[in-house]
Amino acid sequence: MPQRTLTITGVQTPGESAVSAPMLTAEGIQAVAPYLVELFKAALAESQGKDATP
């Protein structure tokens, strides 16, 4: 089973959690949401033994 990896990078200062990375703002989430939807759809299709491509 191929493994997909999603990497979200952000500058992390001491005492700051990874959740507050710059990308995890409303704008950042809206920017990556379509990719996350496709990623989850593909992963779900794979887990059900179906091809993820339309």
PDB file of N, CA and C in Angstrom:
ATOM      1  N   MET A   1       0.854  -1.193   0.000  1.00  0.00           N
ATOM      2  CA  MET A   1       0.000   0.000   0.000  1.00  0.00           C
ATOM      3  C   MET A   1       0.890   1.243   0.000  1.00  0.00           C
ATOM      4  N   PRO A   2       0.730   2.125  -0.984  1.00  0.00           N
ATOM      5  CA  PRO A   2       1.573   3.324  -1.002  1.00  0.00           C
ATOM      6  C   PRO A   2       1.235   4.228   0.174  1.00  0.00           C
ATOM      7  N   GLN A   3       2.262   4.872   0.687  1.00  0.00           N
ATOM      8  CA  GLN A   3       2.041   5.751   1.830  1.00  0.00           C
ATOM      9  C   GLN A   3       2.123   7.194   1.367  1.00  0.00           C
ATOM     10  N   ARG A   4       1.124   7.968   1.740  1.00  0.00           N
ATOM     11  CA  ARG A   4       1.127   9.388   1.395  1.00  0.00           C
ATOM     12  C   ARG A   4       1.550  10.165   2.628  1.00  0.00           C
ATOM     13  N   THR A   5       2.365  11.171   2.387  1.00  0.00           N
ATOM     14  CA  THR A   5       2.836  11.979   3.503  1.00  0.00           C
ATOM     15  C   THR A   5       2.491  13.434   3.243  1.00  0.00           C
ATOM     16  N   LEU A   6       1.867  14.058   4.213  1.00  0.00           N
ATOM     17  CA  LEU A   6       1.557  15.475   4.111  1.00  0.00           C
ATOM     18  C   LEU A   6       2.415  16.196   5.136  1.00  0.00           C
ATOM     19  N   THR A   7       3.231  17.112   4.663  1.00  0.00           N
ATOM     20  CA  THR A   7       4.114  17.831   5.571  1.00  0.00           C
ATOM     21  C   THR A   7       3.683  19.287   5.638  1.00  0.00           C
ATOM     22  N   ILE A   8       3.412  19.745   6.836  1.00  0.00           N
ATOM     23  CA  ILE A   8       3.074  21.147   7.041  1.00  0.00           C
ATOM     24  C   ILE A   8       4.207  21.747   7.860  1.00  0.00           C
ATOM     25  N   THR A   9       4.889  22.710   7.269  1.00  0.00           N
ATOM     26  CA  THR A   9       6.020  23.301   7.969  1.00  0.00           C
ATOM     27  C   THR A   9       5.680  24.704   8.435  1.00  0.00           C
ATOM     28  N   GLY A  10       6.262  25.106   9.524  1.00  0.00           N
ATOM     29  CA  GLY A  10       6.074  26.444  10.049  1.00  0.00           C
ATOM     30  C   GLY A  10       7.205  26.748  11.006  1.00  0.00           C
ATOM     31  N   VAL A  11       7.474  28.006  11.198  1.00  0.00           N
ATOM     32  CA  VAL A  11       8.519  28.387  12.137  1.00  0.00           C
ATOM     33  C   VAL A  11       8.006  28.115  13.540  1.00  0.00           C
ATOM     34  N   GLN A  12       8.790  27.424  14.315  1.00  0.00           N
ATOM     35  CA  GLN A  12       8.362  27.056  15.660  1.00  0.00           C
ATOM     36  C   GLN A  12       9.312  27.692  16.679  1.00  0.00           C
ATOM     37  N   THR A  13       8.764  28.475  17.575  1.00  0.00           N
ATOM     38  CA  THR A  13       9.580  29.097  18.611  1.00  0.00           C
ATOM     39  C   THR A  13       9.372  28.320  19.901  1.00  0.00           C
ATOM     40  N   PRO A  14      10.307  28.401  20.823  1.00  0.00           N
ATOM     41  CA  PRO A  14      10.157  27.668  22.089  1.00  0.00           C
ATOM     42  C   PRO A  14       8.835  28.010  22.777  1.00  0.00           C
ATOM     43  N   GLY A  15       8.147  26.987  23.244  1.00  0.00           N
ATOM     44  CA  GLY A  15       6.894  27.197  23.948  1.00  0.00           C
ATOM     45  C   GLY A  15       5.696  27.323  23.029  1.00  0.00           C
ATOM     46  N   GLU A  16       5.950  27.279  21.723  1.00  0.00           N
ATOM     47  CA  GLU A  16       4.851  27.408  20.766  1.00  0.00           C
ATOM     48  C   GLU A  16       4.505  26.024  20.237  1.00  0.00           C
ATOM     49  N   SER A  17       3.222  25.724  20.143  1.00  0.00           N
ATOM     50  CA  SER A  17       2.841  24.397  19.651  1.00  0.00           C
ATOM     51  C   SER A  17       2.861  24.380  18.133  1.00  0.00           C
ATOM     52  N   ALA A  18       2.992  23.190  17.567  1.00  0.00           N
ATOM     53  CA  ALA A  18       3.024  23.055  16.113  1.00  0.00           C
ATOM     54  C   ALA A  18       1.693  23.493  15.495  1.00  0.00           C
ATOM     55  N   VAL A  19       0.637  23.447  16.305  1.00  0.00           N
ATOM     56  CA  VAL A  19      -0.688  23.794  15.792  1.00  0.00           C
ATOM     57  C   VAL A  19      -0.762  25.262  15.400  1.00  0.00           C
ATOM     58  N   SER A  20       0.067  26.095  16.014  1.00  0.00           N
ATOM     59  CA  SER A  20       0.016  27.518  15.700  1.00  0.00           C
ATOM     60  C   SER A  20       1.007  27.887  14.604  1.00  0.00           C
ATOM     61  N   ALA A  21       1.419  26.903  13.807  1.00  0.00           N
ATOM     62  CA  ALA A  21       2.291  27.190  12.663  1.00  0.00           C
ATOM     63  C   ALA A  21       1.578  28.185  11.747  1.00  0.00           C
ATOM     64  N   PRO A  22       2.330  29.034  11.066  1.00  0.00           N
ATOM     65  CA  PRO A  22       1.722  30.086  10.241  1.00  0.00           C
ATOM     66  C   PRO A  22       0.715  29.561   9.219  1.00  0.00           C
ATOM     67  N   MET A  23       0.919  28.340   8.747  1.00  0.00           N
ATOM     68  CA  MET A  23       0.032  27.811   7.721  1.00  0.00           C
ATOM     69  C   MET A  23      -1.362  27.523   8.285  1.00  0.00           C
ATOM     70  N   LEU A  24      -1.446  27.310   9.598  1.00  0.00           N
ATOM     71  CA  LEU A  24      -2.738  26.942  10.178  1.00  0.00           C
ATOM     72  C   LEU A  24      -3.542  28.172  10.587  1.00  0.00           C
ATOM     73  N   THR A  25      -3.687  29.080   9.632  1.00  0.00           N
ATOM     74  CA  THR A  25      -4.572  30.230   9.809  1.00  0.00           C
ATOM     75  C   THR A  25      -5.778  29.955   8.919  1.00  0.00           C
ATOM     76  N   ALA A  26      -6.792  30.778   9.021  1.00  0.00           N
ATOM     77  CA  ALA A  26      -7.974  30.558   8.181  1.00  0.00           C
ATOM     78  C   ALA A  26      -7.582  30.529   6.708  1.00  0.00           C
ATOM     79  N   GLU A  27      -6.708  31.475   6.301  1.00  0.00           N
ATOM     80  CA  GLU A  27      -6.290  31.536   4.901  1.00  0.00           C
ATOM     81  C   GLU A  27      -5.484  30.304   4.527  1.00  0.00           C
ATOM     82  N   GLY A  28      -4.605  29.883   5.422  1.00  0.00           N
ATOM     83  CA  GLY A  28      -3.768  28.717   5.144  1.00  0.00           C
ATOM     84  C   GLY A  28      -4.597  27.453   5.020  1.00  0.00           C
ATOM     85  N   ILE A  29      -5.585  27.312   5.903  1.00  0.00           N
ATOM     86  CA  ILE A  29      -6.437  26.121   5.869  1.00  0.00           C
ATOM     87  C   ILE A  29      -7.274  26.115   4.592  1.00  0.00           C
ATOM     88  N   GLN A  30      -7.783  27.284   4.207  1.00  0.00           N
ATOM     89  CA  GLN A  30      -8.569  27.357   2.974  1.00  0.00           C
ATOM     90  C   GLN A  30      -7.706  27.026   1.768  1.00  0.00           C
ATOM     91  N   ALA A  31      -6.422  27.398   1.836  1.00  0.00           N
ATOM     92  CA  ALA A  31      -5.523  27.142   0.710  1.00  0.00           C
ATOM     93  C   ALA A  31      -5.247  25.655   0.540  1.00  0.00           C
ATOM     94  N   VAL A  32      -5.118  24.917   1.651  1.00  0.00           N
ATOM     95  CA  VAL A  32      -4.773  23.494   1.547  1.00  0.00           C
ATOM     96  C   VAL A  32      -5.987  22.571   1.600  1.00  0.00           C
ATOM     97  N   ALA A  33      -7.158  23.109   1.966  1.00  0.00           N
ATOM     98  CA  ALA A  33      -8.348  22.262   2.110  1.00  0.00           C
ATOM     99  C   ALA A  33      -8.652  21.400   0.881  1.00  0.00           C
ATOM    100  N   PRO A  34      -8.614  21.959  -0.337  1.00  0.00           N
ATOM    101  CA  PRO A  34      -8.920  21.112  -1.506  1.00  0.00           C
ATOM    102  C   PRO A  34      -7.960  19.931  -1.633  1.00  0.00           C
ATOM    103  N   TYR A  35      -6.694  20.161  -1.297  1.00  0.00           N
ATOM    104  CA  TYR A  35      -5.714  19.080  -1.381  1.00  0.00           C
ATOM    105  C   TYR A  35      -5.985  18.038  -0.302  1.00  0.00           C
ATOM    106  N   LEU A  36      -6.368  18.503   0.881  1.00  0.00           N
ATOM    107  CA  LEU A  36      -6.669  17.563   1.964  1.00  0.00           C
ATOM    108  C   LEU A  36      -7.883  16.714   1.603  1.00  0.00           C
ATOM    109  N   VAL A  37      -8.887  17.323   0.992  1.00  0.00           N
ATOM    110  CA  VAL A  37     -10.084  16.577   0.597  1.00  0.00           C
ATOM    111  C   VAL A  37      -9.705  15.477  -0.381  1.00  0.00           C
ATOM    112  N   GLU A  38      -8.882  15.813  -1.382  1.00  0.00           N
ATOM    113  CA  GLU A  38      -8.470  14.812  -2.367  1.00  0.00           C
ATOM    114  C   GLU A  38      -7.636  13.727  -1.702  1.00  0.00           C
ATOM    115  N   LEU A  39      -6.778  14.136  -0.766  1.00  0.00           N
ATOM    116  CA  LEU A  39      -5.931  13.175  -0.063  1.00  0.00           C
ATOM    117  C   LEU A  39      -6.794  12.186   0.718  1.00  0.00           C
ATOM    118  N   PHE A  40      -7.796  12.703   1.441  1.00  0.00           N
ATOM    119  CA  PHE A  40      -8.661  11.831   2.233  1.00  0.00           C
ATOM    120  C   PHE A  40      -9.506  10.928   1.331  1.00  0.00           C
ATOM    121  N   LYS A  41     -10.004  11.484   0.213  1.00  0.00           N
ATOM    122  CA  LYS A  41     -10.792  10.676  -0.715  1.00  0.00           C
ATOM    123  C   LYS A  41      -9.957   9.521  -1.245  1.00  0.00           C
ATOM    124  N   ALA A  42      -8.715   9.824  -1.629  1.00  0.00           N
ATOM    125  CA  ALA A  42      -7.837   8.796  -2.181  1.00  0.00           C
ATOM    126  C   ALA A  42      -7.522   7.742  -1.122  1.00  0.00           C
ATOM    127  N   ALA A  43      -7.261   8.201   0.101  1.00  0.00           N
ATOM    128  CA  ALA A  43      -6.933   7.262   1.179  1.00  0.00           C
ATOM    129  C   ALA A  43      -8.141   6.377   1.496  1.00  0.00           C
ATOM    130  N   LEU A  44      -9.325   6.965   1.491  1.00  0.00           N
ATOM    131  CA  LEU A  44     -10.539   6.202   1.768  1.00  0.00           C
ATOM    132  C   LEU A  44     -10.777   5.167   0.672  1.00  0.00           C
ATOM    133  N   ALA A  45     -10.621   5.580  -0.573  1.00  0.00           N
ATOM    134  CA  ALA A  45     -10.823   4.660  -1.691  1.00  0.00           C
ATOM    135  C   ALA A  45      -9.828   3.509  -1.610  1.00  0.00           C
ATOM    136  N   GLU A  46      -8.577   3.824  -1.263  1.00  0.00           N
ATOM    137  CA  GLU A  46      -7.565   2.781  -1.141  1.00  0.00           C
ATOM    138  C   GLU A  46      -7.913   1.816  -0.020  1.00  0.00           C
ATOM    139  N   SER A  47      -8.369   2.362   1.104  1.00  0.00           N
ATOM    140  CA  SER A  47      -8.684   1.504   2.248  1.00  0.00           C
ATOM    141  C   SER A  47      -9.858   0.579   1.929  1.00  0.00           C
ATOM    142  N   GLN A  48     -10.682   0.979   0.964  1.00  0.00           N
ATOM    143  CA  GLN A  48     -11.818   0.151   0.563  1.00  0.00           C
ATOM    144  C   GLN A  48     -11.471  -0.724  -0.638  1.00  0.00           C
ATOM    145  N   GLY A  49     -10.200  -0.671  -1.055  1.00  0.00           N
ATOM    146  CA  GLY A  49      -9.748  -1.515  -2.148  1.00  0.00           C
ATOM    147  C   GLY A  49     -10.190  -1.046  -3.521  1.00  0.00           C
ATOM    148  N   LYS A  50     -10.512   0.234  -3.634  1.00  0.00           N
ATOM    149  CA  LYS A  50     -10.933   0.782  -4.927  1.00  0.00           C
ATOM    150  C   LYS A  50      -9.851   1.711  -5.454  1.00  0.00           C
ATOM    151  N   ASP A  51      -9.884   1.937  -6.759  1.00  0.00           N
ATOM    152  CA  ASP A  51      -8.933   2.863  -7.358  1.00  0.00           C
ATOM    153  C   ASP A  51      -9.418   4.288  -7.084  1.00  0.00           C
ATOM    154  N   ALA A  52      -8.492   5.153  -6.674  1.00  0.00           N
ATOM    155  CA  ALA A  52      -8.879   6.511  -6.300  1.00  0.00           C
ATOM    156  C   ALA A  52      -9.080   7.409  -7.515  1.00  0.00           C
ATOM    157  N   THR A  53      -8.617   6.996  -8.686  1.00  0.00           N
ATOM    158  CA  THR A  53      -8.752   7.853  -9.858  1.00  0.00           C
ATOM    159  C   THR A  53     -10.146   7.727 -10.454  1.00  0.00           C
ATOM    160  N   PRO A  54     -10.725   8.838 -10.893  1.00  0.00           N
ATOM    161  CA  PRO A  54     -12.087   8.826 -11.442  1.00  0.00           C
ATOM    162  C   PRO A  54     -12.176   8.010 -12.729  1.00  0.00           C
TER     163      PRO A  54
END
